[in-house]
């Protein structure tokens, strides 16, 4: 059975910034300085570089680690599902589904 590797997001975004968006490099330095980028870092980079385009939202994918971080963020900041959905540009139904899955 093949083990799937995560894409090298750090290299992808460095190349993208270098070739297409060099004027945005200063805003991304802190995130790109990390050894390994997590899904939430990728989302932050994407919003810095391209803004929050609603058409671009349907192709996001989250791993269990990212889902846990998002749900911990909700608890820490005392947010309901609607408020959390607005922060991360998600559907509140998605958040409800994640909660059901994570509680099993």
PDB file of N, CA and C in Angstrom:
ATOM      1  N   UNK A   1       0.834  -1.177   0.000  1.00  0.00           N
ATOM      2  CA  UNK A   1       0.000   0.000   0.000  1.00  0.00           C
ATOM      3  C   UNK A   1       0.884   1.248   0.000  1.00  0.00           C
ATOM      4  N   UNK A   2       0.556   2.215  -0.836  1.00  0.00           N
ATOM      5  CA  UNK A   2       1.338   3.438  -0.950  1.00  0.00           C
ATOM      6  C   UNK A   2       1.009   4.397   0.181  1.00  0.00           C
ATOM      7  N   UNK A   3       2.044   5.011   0.714  1.00  0.00           N
ATOM      8  CA  UNK A   3       1.846   6.046   1.715  1.00  0.00           C
ATOM      9  C   UNK A   3       1.900   7.388   0.991  1.00  0.00           C
ATOM     10  N   UNK A   4       0.845   8.155   1.145  1.00  0.00           N
ATOM     11  CA  UNK A   4       0.778   9.456   0.480  1.00  0.00           C
ATOM     12  C   UNK A   4       1.530  10.498   1.297  1.00  0.00           C
ATOM     13  N   UNK A   5       2.377  11.243   0.637  1.00  0.00           N
ATOM     14  CA  UNK A   5       3.099  12.325   1.288  1.00  0.00           C
ATOM     15  C   UNK A   5       2.344  13.626   1.062  1.00  0.00           C
ATOM     16  N   UNK A   6       2.500  14.522   2.031  1.00  0.00           N
ATOM     17  CA  UNK A   6       1.913  15.847   1.867  1.00  0.00           C
ATOM     18  C   UNK A   6       2.738  16.637   0.861  1.00  0.00           C
ATOM     19  N   UNK A   7       2.118  17.531   0.142  1.00  0.00           N
ATOM     20  CA  UNK A   7       2.888  18.392  -0.764  1.00  0.00           C
ATOM     21  C   UNK A   7       3.839  19.286   0.042  1.00  0.00           C
ATOM     22  N   UNK A   8       4.910  19.695  -0.552  1.00  0.00           N
ATOM     23  CA  UNK A   8       5.861  20.596   0.095  1.00  0.00           C
ATOM     24  C   UNK A   8       5.340  22.029  -0.071  1.00  0.00           C
ATOM     25  N   UNK A   9       4.416  22.401   0.810  1.00  0.00           N
ATOM     26  CA  UNK A   9       3.765  23.704   0.706  1.00  0.00           C
ATOM     27  C   UNK A   9       4.762  24.851   0.805  1.00  0.00           C
ATOM     28  N   UNK A  10       5.767  24.676   1.635  1.00  0.00           N
ATOM     29  CA  UNK A  10       6.750  25.740   1.815  1.00  0.00           C
ATOM     30  C   UNK A  10       7.444  26.059   0.487  1.00  0.00           C
ATOM     31  N   UNK A  11       7.859  25.039  -0.211  1.00  0.00           N
ATOM     32  CA  UNK A  11       8.529  25.225  -1.503  1.00  0.00           C
ATOM     33  C   UNK A  11       7.566  25.787  -2.552  1.00  0.00           C
ATOM     34  N   UNK A  12       6.346  25.280  -2.544  1.00  0.00           N
ATOM     35  CA  UNK A  12       5.338  25.751  -3.501  1.00  0.00           C
ATOM     36  C   UNK A  12       5.094  27.251  -3.325  1.00  0.00           C
ATOM     37  N   UNK A  13       4.864  27.666  -2.071  1.00  0.00           N
ATOM     38  CA  UNK A  13       4.563  29.078  -1.832  1.00  0.00           C
ATOM     39  C   UNK A  13       5.780  29.974  -2.030  1.00  0.00           C
ATOM     40  N   UNK A  14       6.977  29.481  -1.684  1.00  0.00           N
ATOM     41  CA  UNK A  14       8.181  30.283  -1.937  1.00  0.00           C
ATOM     42  C   UNK A  14       8.354  30.540  -3.432  1.00  0.00           C
ATOM     43  N   UNK A  15       8.174  29.496  -4.240  1.00  0.00           N
ATOM     44  CA  UNK A  15       8.283  29.657  -5.696  1.00  0.00           C
ATOM     45  C   UNK A  15       7.213  30.600  -6.235  1.00  0.00           C
ATOM     46  N   UNK A  16       5.995  30.445  -5.737  1.00  0.00           N
ATOM     47  CA  UNK A  16       4.887  31.288  -6.177  1.00  0.00           C
ATOM     48  C   UNK A  16       5.161  32.754  -5.860  1.00  0.00           C
ATOM     49  N   UNK A  17       5.622  33.008  -4.644  1.00  0.00           N
ATOM     50  CA  UNK A  17       5.914  34.388  -4.239  1.00  0.00           C
ATOM     51  C   UNK A  17       7.070  34.953  -5.057  1.00  0.00           C
ATOM     52  N   UNK A  18       8.093  34.142  -5.239  1.00  0.00           N
ATOM     53  CA  UNK A  18       9.275  34.592  -5.980  1.00  0.00           C
ATOM     54  C   UNK A  18       8.949  34.944  -7.430  1.00  0.00           C
ATOM     55  N   UNK A  19       8.124  34.131  -8.069  1.00  0.00           N
ATOM     56  CA  UNK A  19       7.864  34.309  -9.496  1.00  0.00           C
ATOM     57  C   UNK A  19       6.692  35.233  -9.814  1.00  0.00           C
ATOM     58  N   UNK A  20       5.640  35.154  -9.020  1.00  0.00           N
ATOM     59  CA  UNK A  20       4.421  35.882  -9.387  1.00  0.00           C
ATOM     60  C   UNK A  20       4.063  37.039  -8.449  1.00  0.00           C
ATOM     61  N   UNK A  21       4.378  36.903  -7.151  1.00  0.00           N
ATOM     62  CA  UNK A  21       3.922  37.900  -6.181  1.00  0.00           C
ATOM     63  C   UNK A  21       5.050  38.394  -5.272  1.00  0.00           C
ATOM     64  N   UNK A  22       6.141  38.905  -5.821  1.00  0.00           N
ATOM     65  CA  UNK A  22       7.267  39.323  -4.970  1.00  0.00           C
ATOM     66  C   UNK A  22       6.925  40.486  -4.030  1.00  0.00           C
ATOM     67  N   UNK A  23       5.935  41.289  -4.374  1.00  0.00           N
ATOM     68  CA  UNK A  23       5.544  42.413  -3.530  1.00  0.00           C
ATOM     69  C   UNK A  23       4.836  41.968  -2.247  1.00  0.00           C
ATOM     70  N   UNK A  24       4.405  40.723  -2.158  1.00  0.00           N
ATOM     71  CA  UNK A  24       3.726  40.216  -0.958  1.00  0.00           C
ATOM     72  C   UNK A  24       4.657  39.412  -0.042  1.00  0.00           C
ATOM     73  N   UNK A  25       5.915  39.305  -0.423  1.00  0.00           N
ATOM     74  CA  UNK A  25       6.863  38.468   0.310  1.00  0.00           C
ATOM     75  C   UNK A  25       7.026  38.900   1.763  1.00  0.00           C
ATOM     76  N   UNK A  26       7.052  40.204   2.016  1.00  0.00           N
ATOM     77  CA  UNK A  26       7.270  40.691   3.381  1.00  0.00           C
ATOM     78  C   UNK A  26       6.131  40.293   4.326  1.00  0.00           C
ATOM     79  N   UNK A  27       4.925  40.105   3.798  1.00  0.00           N
ATOM     80  CA  UNK A  27       3.789  39.719   4.631  1.00  0.00           C
ATOM     81  C   UNK A  27       3.818  38.231   4.991  1.00  0.00           C
ATOM     82  N   UNK A  28       4.552  37.458   4.226  1.00  0.00           N
ATOM     83  CA  UNK A  28       4.568  35.998   4.390  1.00  0.00           C
ATOM     84  C   UNK A  28       5.823  35.478   5.082  1.00  0.00           C
ATOM     85  N   UNK A  29       6.772  36.333   5.384  1.00  0.00           N
ATOM     86  CA  UNK A  29       8.052  35.894   5.953  1.00  0.00           C
ATOM     87  C   UNK A  29       7.898  35.073   7.228  1.00  0.00           C
ATOM     88  N   UNK A  30       7.064  35.545   8.158  1.00  0.00           N
ATOM     89  CA  UNK A  30       6.918  34.848   9.443  1.00  0.00           C
ATOM     90  C   UNK A  30       6.412  33.424   9.259  1.00  0.00           C
ATOM     91  N   UNK A  31       5.464  33.248   8.388  1.00  0.00           N
ATOM     92  CA  UNK A  31       4.898  31.913   8.173  1.00  0.00           C
ATOM     93  C   UNK A  31       5.898  31.029   7.443  1.00  0.00           C
ATOM     94  N   UNK A  32       6.561  31.566   6.439  1.00  0.00           N
ATOM     95  CA  UNK A  32       7.521  30.775   5.662  1.00  0.00           C
ATOM     96  C   UNK A  32       8.802  30.469   6.433  1.00  0.00           C
ATOM     97  N   UNK A  33       9.029  31.143   7.556  1.00  0.00           N
ATOM     98  CA  UNK A  33      10.217  30.883   8.371  1.00  0.00           C
ATOM     99  C   UNK A  33      10.095  29.582   9.167  1.00  0.00           C
ATOM    100  N   UNK A  34       8.895  29.043   9.280  1.00  0.00           N
ATOM    101  CA  UNK A  34       8.689  27.792  10.013  1.00  0.00           C
ATOM    102  C   UNK A  34       9.327  26.630   9.261  1.00  0.00           C
ATOM    103  N   UNK A  35       9.721  25.592  10.025  1.00  0.00           N
ATOM    104  CA  UNK A  35      10.327  24.408   9.403  1.00  0.00           C
ATOM    105  C   UNK A  35       9.333  23.654   8.536  1.00  0.00           C
ATOM    106  N   UNK A  36       8.121  23.471   9.058  1.00  0.00           N
ATOM    107  CA  UNK A  36       7.092  22.741   8.321  1.00  0.00           C
ATOM    108  C   UNK A  36       5.790  23.523   8.411  1.00  0.00           C
ATOM    109  N   UNK A  37       5.136  23.687   7.290  1.00  0.00           N
ATOM    110  CA  UNK A  37       3.865  24.406   7.270  1.00  0.00           C
ATOM    111  C   UNK A  37       2.721  23.445   7.541  1.00  0.00           C
ATOM    112  N   UNK A  38       1.823  23.851   8.421  1.00  0.00           N
ATOM    113  CA  UNK A  38       0.620  23.077   8.689  1.00  0.00           C
ATOM    114  C   UNK A  38      -0.508  23.613   7.814  1.00  0.00           C
ATOM    115  N   UNK A  39      -1.618  22.906   7.833  1.00  0.00           N
ATOM    116  CA  UNK A  39      -2.757  23.283   6.996  1.00  0.00           C
ATOM    117  C   UNK A  39      -3.231  24.704   7.315  1.00  0.00           C
ATOM    118  N   UNK A  40      -3.265  25.062   8.584  1.00  0.00           N
ATOM    119  CA  UNK A  40      -3.723  26.402   8.950  1.00  0.00           C
ATOM    120  C   UNK A  40      -2.757  27.478   8.451  1.00  0.00           C
ATOM    121  N   UNK A  41      -1.466  27.154   8.401  1.00  0.00           N
ATOM    122  CA  UNK A  41      -0.491  28.086   7.830  1.00  0.00           C
ATOM    123  C   UNK A  41      -0.735  28.270   6.335  1.00  0.00           C
ATOM    124  N   UNK A  42      -1.055  27.183   5.670  1.00  0.00           N
ATOM    125  CA  UNK A  42      -1.333  27.235   4.231  1.00  0.00           C
ATOM    126  C   UNK A  42      -2.565  28.104   3.969  1.00  0.00           C
ATOM    127  N   UNK A  43      -3.578  27.956   4.796  1.00  0.00           N
ATOM    128  CA  UNK A  43      -4.789  28.772   4.646  1.00  0.00           C
ATOM    129  C   UNK A  43      -4.454  30.248   4.863  1.00  0.00           C
ATOM    130  N   UNK A  44      -3.631  30.532   5.870  1.00  0.00           N
ATOM    131  CA  UNK A  44      -3.235  31.919   6.133  1.00  0.00           C
ATOM    132  C   UNK A  44      -2.448  32.495   4.957  1.00  0.00           C
ATOM    133  N   UNK A  45      -1.503  31.724   4.438  1.00  0.00           N
ATOM    134  CA  UNK A  45      -0.731  32.180   3.275  1.00  0.00           C
ATOM    135  C   UNK A  45      -1.632  32.438   2.075  1.00  0.00           C
ATOM    136  N   UNK A  46      -2.552  31.533   1.859  1.00  0.00           N
ATOM    137  CA  UNK A  46      -3.462  31.664   0.725  1.00  0.00           C
ATOM    138  C   UNK A  46      -4.299  32.938   0.832  1.00  0.00           C
ATOM    139  N   UNK A  47      -4.778  33.239   2.033  1.00  0.00           N
ATOM    140  CA  UNK A  47      -5.588  34.450   2.189  1.00  0.00           C
ATOM    141  C   UNK A  47      -4.727  35.710   2.076  1.00  0.00           C
ATOM    142  N   UNK A  48      -3.458  35.651   2.514  1.00  0.00           N
ATOM    143  CA  UNK A  48      -2.562  36.802   2.363  1.00  0.00           C
ATOM    144  C   UNK A  48      -2.281  37.066   0.883  1.00  0.00           C
ATOM    145  N   UNK A  49      -2.026  36.005   0.154  1.00  0.00           N
ATOM    146  CA  UNK A  49      -1.631  36.162  -1.247  1.00  0.00           C
ATOM    147  C   UNK A  49      -2.801  36.452  -2.180  1.00  0.00           C
ATOM    148  N   UNK A  50      -3.924  35.787  -1.959  1.00  0.00           N
ATOM    149  CA  UNK A  50      -5.025  35.878  -2.919  1.00  0.00           C
ATOM    150  C   UNK A  50      -6.294  36.492  -2.358  1.00  0.00           C
ATOM    151  N   UNK A  51      -6.341  36.819  -1.076  1.00  0.00           N
ATOM    152  CA  UNK A  51      -7.551  37.339  -0.471  1.00  0.00           C
ATOM    153  C   UNK A  51      -8.542  36.215  -0.223  1.00  0.00           C
ATOM    154  N   UNK A  52      -9.717  36.559   0.214  1.00  0.00           N
ATOM    155  CA  UNK A  52     -10.750  35.557   0.484  1.00  0.00           C
ATOM    156  C   UNK A  52     -11.740  35.521  -0.666  1.00  0.00           C
ATOM    157  N   UNK A  53     -11.411  34.770  -1.679  1.00  0.00           N
ATOM    158  CA  UNK A  53     -12.267  34.619  -2.845  1.00  0.00           C
ATOM    159  C   UNK A  53     -13.275  33.502  -2.574  1.00  0.00           C
ATOM    160  N   UNK A  54     -14.578  33.791  -2.554  1.00  0.00           N
ATOM    161  CA  UNK A  54     -15.567  32.759  -2.236  1.00  0.00           C
ATOM    162  C   UNK A  54     -15.585  31.592  -3.222  1.00  0.00           C
ATOM    163  N   UNK A  55     -15.195  31.825  -4.466  1.00  0.00           N
ATOM    164  CA  UNK A  55     -15.174  30.735  -5.447  1.00  0.00           C
ATOM    165  C   UNK A  55     -14.063  29.737  -5.147  1.00  0.00           C
ATOM    166  N   UNK A  56     -13.047  30.189  -4.454  1.00  0.00           N
ATOM    167  CA  UNK A  56     -11.878  29.366  -4.187  1.00  0.00           C
ATOM    168  C   UNK A  56     -12.060  28.489  -2.944  1.00  0.00           C
ATOM    169  N   UNK A  57     -13.142  28.649  -2.224  1.00  0.00           N
ATOM    170  CA  UNK A  57     -13.318  27.983  -0.941  1.00  0.00           C
ATOM    171  C   UNK A  57     -13.710  26.514  -1.044  1.00  0.00           C
ATOM    172  N   UNK A  58     -14.252  26.077  -2.141  1.00  0.00           N
ATOM    173  CA  UNK A  58     -14.797  24.728  -2.182  1.00  0.00           C
ATOM    174  C   UNK A  58     -13.763  23.625  -2.341  1.00  0.00           C
ATOM    175  N   UNK A  59     -12.504  23.966  -2.553  1.00  0.00           N
ATOM    176  CA  UNK A  59     -11.482  22.941  -2.746  1.00  0.00           C
ATOM    177  C   UNK A  59     -10.554  22.776  -1.549  1.00  0.00           C
ATOM    178  N   UNK A  60     -10.940  23.285  -0.400  1.00  0.00           N
ATOM    179  CA  UNK A  60     -10.118  23.140   0.793  1.00  0.00           C
ATOM    180  C   UNK A  60     -10.244  21.723   1.338  1.00  0.00           C
ATOM    181  N   UNK A  61      -9.153  21.242   1.913  1.00  0.00           N
ATOM    182  CA  UNK A  61      -9.158  19.931   2.558  1.00  0.00           C
ATOM    183  C   UNK A  61      -8.435  20.064   3.893  1.00  0.00           C
ATOM    184  N   UNK A  62      -8.944  19.402   4.912  1.00  0.00           N
ATOM    185  CA  UNK A  62      -8.372  19.486   6.245  1.00  0.00           C
ATOM    186  C   UNK A  62      -8.053  18.086   6.745  1.00  0.00           C
ATOM    187  N   UNK A  63      -6.912  17.942   7.413  1.00  0.00           N
ATOM    188  CA  UNK A  63      -6.601  16.672   8.052  1.00  0.00           C
ATOM    189  C   UNK A  63      -7.109  16.719   9.498  1.00  0.00           C
ATOM    190  N   UNK A  64      -7.007  15.599  10.201  1.00  0.00           N
ATOM    191  CA  UNK A  64      -7.555  15.541  11.562  1.00  0.00           C
ATOM    192  C   UNK A  64      -6.862  16.517  12.499  1.00  0.00           C
ATOM    193  N   UNK A  65      -5.566  16.696  12.310  1.00  0.00           N
ATOM    194  CA  UNK A  65      -4.812  17.618  13.157  1.00  0.00           C
ATOM    195  C   UNK A  65      -5.337  19.050  13.003  1.00  0.00           C
ATOM    196  N   UNK A  66      -5.603  19.459  11.780  1.00  0.00           N
ATOM    197  CA  UNK A  66      -6.118  20.807  11.524  1.00  0.00           C
ATOM    198  C   UNK A  66      -7.530  20.968  12.088  1.00  0.00           C
ATOM    199  N   UNK A  67      -8.337  19.928  11.942  1.00  0.00           N
ATOM    200  CA  UNK A  67      -9.703  19.980  12.477  1.00  0.00           C
ATOM    201  C   UNK A  67      -9.660  20.138  13.992  1.00  0.00           C
ATOM    202  N   UNK A  68      -8.784  19.384  14.653  1.00  0.00           N
ATOM    203  CA  UNK A  68      -8.650  19.502  16.110  1.00  0.00           C
ATOM    204  C   UNK A  68      -8.233  20.912  16.502  1.00  0.00           C
ATOM    205  N   UNK A  69      -7.283  21.488  15.768  1.00  0.00           N
ATOM    206  CA  UNK A  69      -6.834  22.849  16.076  1.00  0.00           C
ATOM    207  C   UNK A  69      -7.965  23.858  15.914  1.00  0.00           C
ATOM    208  N   UNK A  70      -8.765  23.684  14.886  1.00  0.00           N
ATOM    209  CA  UNK A  70      -9.890  24.596  14.664  1.00  0.00           C
ATOM    210  C   UNK A  70     -10.911  24.466  15.789  1.00  0.00           C
ATOM    211  N   UNK A  71     -11.208  23.241  16.204  1.00  0.00           N
ATOM    212  CA  UNK A  71     -12.172  23.039  17.286  1.00  0.00           C
ATOM    213  C   UNK A  71     -11.620  23.529  18.629  1.00  0.00           C
ATOM    214  N   UNK A  72     -10.320  23.402  18.841  1.00  0.00           N
ATOM    215  CA  UNK A  72      -9.695  23.942  20.054  1.00  0.00           C
ATOM    216  C   UNK A  72      -9.756  25.469  20.025  1.00  0.00           C
ATOM    217  N   UNK A  73      -9.530  26.053  18.855  1.00  0.00           N
ATOM    218  CA  UNK A  73      -9.644  27.505  18.686  1.00  0.00           C
ATOM    219  C   UNK A  73     -11.052  27.962  19.074  1.00  0.00           C
ATOM    220  N   UNK A  74     -12.050  27.181  18.674  1.00  0.00           N
ATOM    221  CA  UNK A  74     -13.437  27.523  18.996  1.00  0.00           C
ATOM    222  C   UNK A  74     -13.650  27.533  20.508  1.00  0.00           C
ATOM    223  N   UNK A  75     -13.156  26.489  21.184  1.00  0.00           N
ATOM    224  CA  UNK A  75     -13.312  26.408  22.633  1.00  0.00           C
ATOM    225  C   UNK A  75     -12.556  27.529  23.333  1.00  0.00           C
ATOM    226  N   UNK A  76     -11.334  27.775  22.885  1.00  0.00           N
ATOM    227  CA  UNK A  76     -10.472  28.774  23.516  1.00  0.00           C
ATOM    228  C   UNK A  76     -11.067  30.175  23.415  1.00  0.00           C
ATOM    229  N   UNK A  77     -11.647  30.495  22.272  1.00  0.00           N
ATOM    230  CA  UNK A  77     -12.203  31.829  22.040  1.00  0.00           C
ATOM    231  C   UNK A  77     -13.707  31.900  22.289  1.00  0.00           C
ATOM    232  N   UNK A  78     -14.266  30.802  22.783  1.00  0.00           N
ATOM    233  CA  UNK A  78     -15.680  30.760  23.170  1.00  0.00           C
ATOM    234  C   UNK A  78     -16.604  31.184  22.021  1.00  0.00           C
ATOM    235  N   UNK A  79     -16.435  30.551  20.864  1.00  0.00           N
ATOM    236  CA  UNK A  79     -17.223  30.881  19.682  1.00  0.00           C
ATOM    237  C   UNK A  79     -18.289  29.817  19.431  1.00  0.00           C
ATOM    238  N   UNK A  80     -19.402  30.237  18.865  1.00  0.00           N
ATOM    239  CA  UNK A  80     -20.376  29.243  18.416  1.00  0.00           C
ATOM    240  C   UNK A  80     -20.015  28.830  16.985  1.00  0.00           C
ATOM    241  N   UNK A  81     -20.760  27.878  16.441  1.00  0.00           N
ATOM    242  CA  UNK A  81     -20.427  27.350  15.110  1.00  0.00           C
ATOM    243  C   UNK A  81     -20.493  28.418  14.019  1.00  0.00           C
ATOM    244  N   UNK A  82     -21.449  29.310  14.120  1.00  0.00           N
ATOM    245  CA  UNK A  82     -21.603  30.365  13.117  1.00  0.00           C
ATOM    246  C   UNK A  82     -20.406  31.321  13.128  1.00  0.00           C
ATOM    247  N   UNK A  83     -19.967  31.710  14.321  1.00  0.00           N
ATOM    248  CA  UNK A  83     -18.822  32.616  14.435  1.00  0.00           C
ATOM    249  C   UNK A  83     -17.533  31.950  13.954  1.00  0.00           C
ATOM    250  N   UNK A  84     -17.357  30.679  14.313  1.00  0.00           N
ATOM    251  CA  UNK A  84     -16.168  29.945  13.869  1.00  0.00           C
ATOM    252  C   UNK A  84     -16.170  29.782  12.355  1.00  0.00           C
ATOM    253  N   UNK A  85     -17.332  29.522  11.797  1.00  0.00           N
ATOM    254  CA  UNK A  85     -17.452  29.382  10.347  1.00  0.00           C
ATOM    255  C   UNK A  85     -17.041  30.674   9.642  1.00  0.00           C
ATOM    256  N   UNK A  86     -17.391  31.803  10.213  1.00  0.00           N
ATOM    257  CA  UNK A  86     -17.021  33.089   9.613  1.00  0.00           C
ATOM    258  C   UNK A  86     -15.511  33.326   9.686  1.00  0.00           C
ATOM    259  N   UNK A  87     -14.890  32.923  10.781  1.00  0.00           N
ATOM    260  CA  UNK A  87     -13.447  33.123  10.946  1.00  0.00           C
ATOM    261  C   UNK A  87     -12.657  32.326   9.914  1.00  0.00           C
ATOM    262  N   UNK A  88     -13.049  31.065   9.691  1.00  0.00           N
ATOM    263  CA  UNK A  88     -12.292  30.179   8.805  1.00  0.00           C
ATOM    264  C   UNK A  88     -12.934  29.991   7.429  1.00  0.00           C
ATOM    265  N   UNK A  89     -13.947  30.757   7.113  1.00  0.00           N
ATOM    266  CA  UNK A  89     -14.652  30.654   5.823  1.00  0.00           C
ATOM    267  C   UNK A  89     -15.128  29.231   5.561  1.00  0.00           C
ATOM    268  N   UNK A  90     -15.846  28.698   6.515  1.00  0.00           N
ATOM    269  CA  UNK A  90     -16.386  27.344   6.424  1.00  0.00           C
ATOM    270  C   UNK A  90     -17.900  27.393   6.530  1.00  0.00           C
ATOM    271  N   UNK A  91     -18.509  26.260   6.305  1.00  0.00           N
ATOM    272  CA  UNK A  91     -19.936  26.112   6.535  1.00  0.00           C
ATOM    273  C   UNK A  91     -20.147  25.685   7.988  1.00  0.00           C
ATOM    274  N   UNK A  92     -21.193  26.204   8.621  1.00  0.00           N
ATOM    275  CA  UNK A  92     -21.453  25.776  10.005  1.00  0.00           C
ATOM    276  C   UNK A  92     -21.840  24.310  10.051  1.00  0.00           C
ATOM    277  N   UNK A  93     -22.402  23.804   8.958  1.00  0.00           N
ATOM    278  CA  UNK A  93     -22.724  22.377   8.895  1.00  0.00           C
ATOM    279  C   UNK A  93     -21.457  21.529   8.867  1.00  0.00           C
ATOM    280  N   UNK A  94     -20.415  22.032   8.243  1.00  0.00           N
ATOM    281  CA  UNK A  94     -19.131  21.333   8.229  1.00  0.00           C
ATOM    282  C   UNK A  94     -18.583  21.227   9.644  1.00  0.00           C
ATOM    283  N   UNK A  95     -18.673  22.300  10.392  1.00  0.00           N
ATOM    284  CA  UNK A  95     -18.174  22.309  11.768  1.00  0.00           C
ATOM    285  C   UNK A  95     -18.968  21.331  12.623  1.00  0.00           C
ATOM    286  N   UNK A  96     -20.285  21.307  12.451  1.00  0.00           N
ATOM    287  CA  UNK A  96     -21.121  20.360  13.187  1.00  0.00           C
ATOM    288  C   UNK A  96     -20.735  18.930  12.850  1.00  0.00           C
ATOM    289  N   UNK A  97     -20.497  18.661  11.586  1.00  0.00           N
ATOM    290  CA  UNK A  97     -20.088  17.324  11.148  1.00  0.00           C
ATOM    291  C   UNK A  97     -18.744  16.940  11.767  1.00  0.00           C
ATOM    292  N   UNK A  98     -17.801  17.878  11.786  1.00  0.00           N
ATOM    293  CA  UNK A  98     -16.491  17.616  12.390  1.00  0.00           C
ATOM    294  C   UNK A  98     -16.627  17.277  13.865  1.00  0.00           C
ATOM    295  N   UNK A  99     -17.497  18.008  14.566  1.00  0.00           N
ATOM    296  CA  UNK A  99     -17.682  17.747  15.999  1.00  0.00           C
ATOM    297  C   UNK A  99     -18.211  16.338  16.227  1.00  0.00           C
ATOM    298  N   UNK A 100     -19.157  15.917  15.406  1.00  0.00           N
ATOM    299  CA  UNK A 100     -19.701  14.564  15.536  1.00  0.00           C
ATOM    300  C   UNK A 100     -18.630  13.513  15.278  1.00  0.00           C
ATOM    301  N   UNK A 101     -17.805  13.740  14.267  1.00  0.00           N
ATOM    302  CA  UNK A 101     -16.745  12.791  13.923  1.00  0.00           C
ATOM    303  C   UNK A 101     -15.693  12.729  15.025  1.00  0.00           C
ATOM    304  N   UNK A 102     -15.309  13.866  15.557  1.00  0.00           N
ATOM    305  CA  UNK A 102     -14.244  13.917  16.558  1.00  0.00           C
ATOM    306  C   UNK A 102     -14.694  13.390  17.916  1.00  0.00           C
ATOM    307  N   UNK A 103     -15.976  13.389  18.187  1.00  0.00           N
ATOM    308  CA  UNK A 103     -16.470  12.889  19.468  1.00  0.00           C
ATOM    309  C   UNK A 103     -16.571  11.374  19.518  1.00  0.00           C
ATOM    310  N   UNK A 104     -16.481  10.716  18.367  1.00  0.00           N
ATOM    311  CA  UNK A 104     -16.570   9.254  18.334  1.00  0.00           C
ATOM    312  C   UNK A 104     -15.375   8.619  18.972  1.00  0.00           C
TER     313      UNK A 104
END
